[in-house]
Amino acid sequence: SRSDSTPSAVLRSDGRFSSKNVKVTLKHVPSFIREHRSWNSEEKEQLKSVVHAKEKRAGQRLSWAEWQIIGNQFGRSADAVTKMYNKMCDPKYAMPAVPMKHKRGV
């Protein structure tokens, strides 16, 4: 685990954001050890709202350090949160709807 100090917008306990330098402990867990789990709809909505709030506050796209902080909040890697956010919000990464289901076993 390593510790970095980075300027950041911090989510306070009252739900508002505060801007200051934050000491963040980044815990690196190798991908072959990390538990792989699916995103539920509540987590997806929470991710979307956290990212939108941080982008609105920053006035620009988020830095990789910000994605790492968000990943730590969700107990996931920065890569996992960016990919899920892109799938939900960027049409370029969205999964197209299945046009027609086939019968099981056929």
N, C-alpha and C. Protein backbone atom coordinates (compact mmCIF):
# COMPACT_ATOMS: atom_id res chain seq x y z
N SER A 1 0.84 -1.17 0.00
CA SER A 1 0.00 0.00 0.00
C SER A 1 0.88 1.23 0.00
N ARG A 2 0.42 2.28 -0.67
CA ARG A 2 1.22 3.49 -0.73
C ARG A 2 0.32 4.68 -0.45
N SER A 3 0.92 5.78 -0.05
CA SER A 3 0.15 6.96 0.33
C SER A 3 0.54 8.12 -0.57
N ASP A 4 -0.44 8.82 -1.11
CA ASP A 4 -0.21 9.98 -1.97
C ASP A 4 -1.01 11.15 -1.43
N SER A 5 -0.50 12.36 -1.64
CA SER A 5 -1.25 13.56 -1.32
C SER A 5 -1.63 14.19 -2.64
N THR A 6 -2.90 14.42 -2.83
CA THR A 6 -3.37 14.94 -4.11
C THR A 6 -4.47 15.95 -3.89
N PRO A 7 -4.51 17.04 -4.71
CA PRO A 7 -5.64 17.95 -4.59
C PRO A 7 -6.89 17.23 -5.06
N SER A 8 -7.96 17.38 -4.31
CA SER A 8 -9.12 16.56 -4.61
C SER A 8 -10.39 17.20 -4.10
N ALA A 9 -11.49 16.80 -4.71
CA ALA A 9 -12.81 17.11 -4.16
C ALA A 9 -13.20 15.92 -3.31
N VAL A 10 -13.50 16.16 -2.05
CA VAL A 10 -13.77 15.09 -1.11
C VAL A 10 -15.25 15.08 -0.75
N LEU A 11 -15.84 13.90 -0.76
CA LEU A 11 -17.23 13.74 -0.37
C LEU A 11 -17.28 13.69 1.15
N ARG A 12 -17.94 14.71 1.76
CA ARG A 12 -18.03 14.77 3.21
C ARG A 12 -19.20 13.93 3.69
N SER A 13 -19.25 13.71 4.99
CA SER A 13 -20.31 12.86 5.57
C SER A 13 -21.69 13.46 5.39
N ASP A 14 -21.79 14.80 5.20
CA ASP A 14 -23.10 15.41 4.99
C ASP A 14 -23.53 15.38 3.52
N GLY A 15 -22.75 14.71 2.66
CA GLY A 15 -23.12 14.55 1.26
C GLY A 15 -22.62 15.66 0.35
N ARG A 16 -21.96 16.69 0.90
CA ARG A 16 -21.43 17.77 0.08
C ARG A 16 -19.96 17.52 -0.21
N PHE A 17 -19.45 18.19 -1.24
CA PHE A 17 -18.05 18.04 -1.60
C PHE A 17 -17.23 19.17 -1.01
N SER A 18 -16.03 18.87 -0.61
CA SER A 18 -15.10 19.85 -0.10
C SER A 18 -13.81 19.72 -0.89
N SER A 19 -13.21 20.85 -1.27
CA SER A 19 -11.99 20.82 -2.06
C SER A 19 -10.80 21.08 -1.15
N LYS A 20 -9.85 20.15 -1.13
CA LYS A 20 -8.64 20.31 -0.33
C LYS A 20 -7.64 19.24 -0.71
N ASN A 21 -6.43 19.36 -0.18
CA ASN A 21 -5.44 18.31 -0.38
C ASN A 21 -5.78 17.17 0.55
N VAL A 22 -5.78 15.98 0.01
CA VAL A 22 -6.20 14.81 0.76
C VAL A 22 -5.09 13.78 0.73
N LYS A 23 -4.84 13.17 1.84
CA LYS A 23 -3.87 12.06 1.88
C LYS A 23 -4.68 10.80 1.66
N VAL A 24 -4.38 10.11 0.58
CA VAL A 24 -5.13 8.92 0.20
C VAL A 24 -4.20 7.73 0.23
N THR A 25 -4.62 6.69 0.90
CA THR A 25 -3.85 5.46 0.90
C THR A 25 -4.38 4.59 -0.22
N LEU A 26 -3.52 4.33 -1.18
CA LEU A 26 -3.91 3.51 -2.32
C LEU A 26 -3.46 2.08 -2.04
N LYS A 27 -4.40 1.20 -1.89
CA LYS A 27 -4.08 -0.19 -1.62
C LYS A 27 -4.10 -0.94 -2.93
N HIS A 28 -2.95 -1.39 -3.34
CA HIS A 28 -2.88 -2.13 -4.59
C HIS A 28 -3.04 -3.61 -4.29
N VAL A 29 -4.05 -4.19 -4.89
CA VAL A 29 -4.26 -5.62 -4.78
C VAL A 29 -4.13 -6.20 -6.18
N PRO A 30 -3.21 -7.14 -6.38
CA PRO A 30 -3.04 -7.71 -7.71
C PRO A 30 -4.36 -8.28 -8.25
N SER A 31 -4.55 -8.15 -9.55
CA SER A 31 -5.83 -8.55 -10.16
C SER A 31 -6.14 -10.03 -9.98
N PHE A 32 -5.09 -10.88 -9.86
CA PHE A 32 -5.37 -12.31 -9.71
C PHE A 32 -5.85 -12.64 -8.28
N ILE A 33 -5.69 -11.69 -7.34
CA ILE A 33 -6.16 -11.90 -5.97
C ILE A 33 -7.50 -11.20 -5.75
N ARG A 34 -7.71 -10.08 -6.44
CA ARG A 34 -8.90 -9.26 -6.24
C ARG A 34 -10.16 -10.04 -6.57
N GLU A 35 -11.18 -9.84 -5.75
CA GLU A 35 -12.47 -10.50 -5.97
C GLU A 35 -13.18 -9.81 -7.14
N HIS A 36 -13.67 -10.59 -8.07
CA HIS A 36 -14.41 -10.05 -9.20
C HIS A 36 -15.89 -10.15 -8.87
N ARG A 37 -16.57 -9.02 -8.88
CA ARG A 37 -17.99 -9.03 -8.58
C ARG A 37 -18.75 -8.14 -9.55
N SER A 38 -19.98 -8.46 -9.76
CA SER A 38 -20.81 -7.71 -10.70
C SER A 38 -21.29 -6.40 -10.06
N TRP A 39 -21.60 -5.45 -10.92
CA TRP A 39 -22.17 -4.18 -10.47
C TRP A 39 -23.68 -4.35 -10.33
N ASN A 40 -24.25 -3.91 -9.21
CA ASN A 40 -25.71 -3.90 -9.12
C ASN A 40 -26.22 -2.52 -9.52
N SER A 41 -27.51 -2.40 -9.73
CA SER A 41 -28.06 -1.14 -10.25
C SER A 41 -27.87 0.03 -9.28
N GLU A 42 -27.90 -0.26 -7.97
CA GLU A 42 -27.69 0.80 -6.99
C GLU A 42 -26.26 1.36 -7.07
N GLU A 43 -25.28 0.46 -7.21
CA GLU A 43 -23.89 0.89 -7.34
C GLU A 43 -23.68 1.71 -8.62
N LYS A 44 -24.33 1.28 -9.69
CA LYS A 44 -24.19 2.00 -10.97
C LYS A 44 -24.73 3.42 -10.85
N GLU A 45 -25.89 3.58 -10.23
CA GLU A 45 -26.47 4.92 -10.06
C GLU A 45 -25.61 5.77 -9.14
N GLN A 46 -25.09 5.17 -8.09
CA GLN A 46 -24.22 5.90 -7.17
C GLN A 46 -22.93 6.33 -7.88
N LEU A 47 -22.37 5.45 -8.69
CA LEU A 47 -21.17 5.79 -9.46
C LEU A 47 -21.44 6.96 -10.39
N LYS A 48 -22.56 6.88 -11.09
CA LYS A 48 -22.91 7.95 -12.03
C LYS A 48 -23.04 9.29 -11.30
N SER A 49 -23.71 9.30 -10.15
CA SER A 49 -23.90 10.56 -9.43
C SER A 49 -22.59 11.10 -8.85
N VAL A 50 -21.72 10.22 -8.36
CA VAL A 50 -20.43 10.66 -7.81
C VAL A 50 -19.58 11.27 -8.92
N VAL A 51 -19.52 10.61 -10.07
CA VAL A 51 -18.70 11.10 -11.18
C VAL A 51 -19.25 12.42 -11.71
N HIS A 52 -20.58 12.51 -11.89
CA HIS A 52 -21.17 13.77 -12.38
C HIS A 52 -20.89 14.91 -11.41
N ALA A 53 -21.00 14.66 -10.11
CA ALA A 53 -20.74 15.70 -9.12
C ALA A 53 -19.28 16.15 -9.16
N LYS A 54 -18.36 15.19 -9.26
CA LYS A 54 -16.94 15.53 -9.31
C LYS A 54 -16.60 16.29 -10.59
N GLU A 55 -17.17 15.87 -11.73
CA GLU A 55 -16.91 16.57 -12.99
C GLU A 55 -17.48 17.98 -12.97
N LYS A 56 -18.66 18.13 -12.40
CA LYS A 56 -19.29 19.45 -12.32
C LYS A 56 -18.44 20.37 -11.46
N ARG A 57 -17.96 19.84 -10.34
CA ARG A 57 -17.15 20.63 -9.42
C ARG A 57 -15.80 20.99 -10.06
N ALA A 58 -15.19 20.03 -10.76
CA ALA A 58 -13.88 20.27 -11.37
C ALA A 58 -13.99 21.10 -12.65
N GLY A 59 -15.15 21.02 -13.31
CA GLY A 59 -15.33 21.75 -14.56
C GLY A 59 -14.61 21.12 -15.74
N GLN A 60 -14.17 19.90 -15.59
CA GLN A 60 -13.44 19.21 -16.65
C GLN A 60 -13.50 17.72 -16.41
N ARG A 61 -12.87 16.97 -17.32
CA ARG A 61 -12.81 15.51 -17.14
C ARG A 61 -11.95 15.19 -15.92
N LEU A 62 -12.20 14.05 -15.33
CA LEU A 62 -11.48 13.67 -14.12
C LEU A 62 -10.09 13.11 -14.44
N SER A 63 -9.17 13.37 -13.54
CA SER A 63 -7.81 12.84 -13.68
C SER A 63 -7.81 11.37 -13.25
N TRP A 64 -6.72 10.69 -13.58
CA TRP A 64 -6.61 9.28 -13.19
C TRP A 64 -6.58 9.16 -11.66
N ALA A 65 -5.99 10.12 -10.96
CA ALA A 65 -5.96 10.10 -9.49
C ALA A 65 -7.39 10.17 -8.93
N GLU A 66 -8.23 10.98 -9.57
CA GLU A 66 -9.64 11.06 -9.13
C GLU A 66 -10.35 9.72 -9.34
N TRP A 67 -10.08 9.07 -10.47
CA TRP A 67 -10.69 7.75 -10.72
C TRP A 67 -10.21 6.74 -9.70
N GLN A 68 -8.95 6.85 -9.27
CA GLN A 68 -8.44 5.94 -8.24
C GLN A 68 -9.17 6.16 -6.92
N ILE A 69 -9.42 7.41 -6.58
CA ILE A 69 -10.15 7.72 -5.36
C ILE A 69 -11.57 7.16 -5.43
N ILE A 70 -12.22 7.34 -6.57
CA ILE A 70 -13.57 6.79 -6.76
C ILE A 70 -13.54 5.27 -6.67
N GLY A 71 -12.55 4.66 -7.30
CA GLY A 71 -12.41 3.21 -7.22
C GLY A 71 -12.27 2.72 -5.80
N ASN A 72 -11.48 3.43 -5.00
CA ASN A 72 -11.32 3.06 -3.59
C ASN A 72 -12.63 3.18 -2.83
N GLN A 73 -13.44 4.20 -3.16
CA GLN A 73 -14.74 4.36 -2.50
C GLN A 73 -15.65 3.16 -2.77
N PHE A 74 -15.53 2.60 -3.97
CA PHE A 74 -16.39 1.48 -4.36
C PHE A 74 -15.72 0.13 -4.12
N GLY A 75 -14.48 0.13 -3.63
CA GLY A 75 -13.77 -1.12 -3.40
C GLY A 75 -13.39 -1.80 -4.70
N ARG A 76 -13.13 -1.00 -5.74
CA ARG A 76 -12.79 -1.52 -7.06
C ARG A 76 -11.61 -0.74 -7.61
N SER A 77 -11.05 -1.22 -8.69
CA SER A 77 -9.92 -0.53 -9.31
C SER A 77 -10.40 0.69 -10.09
N ALA A 78 -9.47 1.61 -10.35
CA ALA A 78 -9.80 2.78 -11.16
C ALA A 78 -10.24 2.35 -12.55
N ASP A 79 -9.59 1.32 -13.07
CA ASP A 79 -9.93 0.80 -14.39
C ASP A 79 -11.37 0.28 -14.42
N ALA A 80 -11.79 -0.42 -13.37
CA ALA A 80 -13.14 -0.98 -13.32
C ALA A 80 -14.20 0.13 -13.29
N VAL A 81 -13.96 1.18 -12.49
CA VAL A 81 -14.96 2.24 -12.41
C VAL A 81 -15.02 3.06 -13.70
N THR A 82 -13.85 3.30 -14.34
CA THR A 82 -13.90 4.05 -15.60
C THR A 82 -14.62 3.25 -16.68
N LYS A 83 -14.35 1.95 -16.74
CA LYS A 83 -15.01 1.13 -17.76
C LYS A 83 -16.53 1.07 -17.55
N MET A 84 -16.96 0.91 -16.29
CA MET A 84 -18.40 0.85 -16.04
C MET A 84 -19.04 2.20 -16.35
N TYR A 85 -18.39 3.29 -15.96
CA TYR A 85 -18.94 4.62 -16.24
C TYR A 85 -19.05 4.83 -17.75
N ASN A 86 -18.03 4.44 -18.49
CA ASN A 86 -18.08 4.60 -19.96
C ASN A 86 -19.19 3.76 -20.57
N LYS A 87 -19.38 2.54 -20.09
CA LYS A 87 -20.46 1.68 -20.61
C LYS A 87 -21.82 2.32 -20.39
N MET A 88 -21.99 2.99 -19.23
CA MET A 88 -23.28 3.58 -18.90
C MET A 88 -23.52 4.91 -19.60
N CYS A 89 -22.47 5.72 -19.78
CA CYS A 89 -22.66 7.11 -20.19
C CYS A 89 -22.13 7.49 -21.55
N ASP A 90 -21.26 6.68 -22.13
CA ASP A 90 -20.68 7.02 -23.43
C ASP A 90 -21.23 6.06 -24.49
N PRO A 91 -21.98 6.59 -25.46
CA PRO A 91 -22.58 5.72 -26.48
C PRO A 91 -21.55 4.87 -27.23
N LYS A 92 -20.33 5.35 -27.32
CA LYS A 92 -19.28 4.61 -28.02
C LYS A 92 -18.98 3.27 -27.32
N TYR A 93 -19.17 3.23 -25.99
CA TYR A 93 -18.87 2.02 -25.22
C TYR A 93 -20.11 1.24 -24.80
N ALA A 94 -21.28 1.75 -25.10
CA ALA A 94 -22.51 1.10 -24.65
C ALA A 94 -22.71 -0.24 -25.35
N MET A 95 -23.26 -1.18 -24.60
CA MET A 95 -23.57 -2.49 -25.17
C MET A 95 -24.92 -2.39 -25.87
N PRO A 96 -24.99 -2.76 -27.15
CA PRO A 96 -26.28 -2.67 -27.85
C PRO A 96 -27.28 -3.67 -27.28
N ALA A 97 -28.54 -3.29 -27.30
CA ALA A 97 -29.60 -4.17 -26.81
C ALA A 97 -29.72 -5.38 -27.74
N VAL A 98 -30.03 -6.51 -27.15
CA VAL A 98 -30.20 -7.73 -27.94
C VAL A 98 -31.53 -7.61 -28.68
N PRO A 99 -31.53 -7.74 -30.02
CA PRO A 99 -32.76 -7.53 -30.78
C PRO A 99 -33.82 -8.62 -30.55
N MET A 100 -33.35 -9.86 -30.34
CA MET A 100 -34.31 -10.95 -30.21
C MET A 100 -33.65 -12.09 -29.42
N LYS A 101 -34.39 -12.63 -28.48
CA LYS A 101 -33.86 -13.75 -27.71
C LYS A 101 -34.17 -15.05 -28.42
N HIS A 102 -33.29 -16.00 -28.27
CA HIS A 102 -33.55 -17.32 -28.87
C HIS A 102 -34.00 -18.28 -27.76
N LYS A 103 -34.61 -19.39 -28.18
CA LYS A 103 -35.06 -20.39 -27.23
C LYS A 103 -33.85 -21.02 -26.56
N ARG A 104 -34.00 -21.34 -25.31
CA ARG A 104 -32.92 -21.97 -24.56
C ARG A 104 -32.59 -23.34 -25.15
N GLY A 105 -31.29 -23.58 -25.32
CA GLY A 105 -30.85 -24.88 -25.81
C GLY A 105 -30.88 -25.01 -27.31
N VAL A 106 -31.28 -23.96 -28.00
CA VAL A 106 -31.35 -24.06 -29.45
C VAL A 106 -30.22 -23.27 -30.07
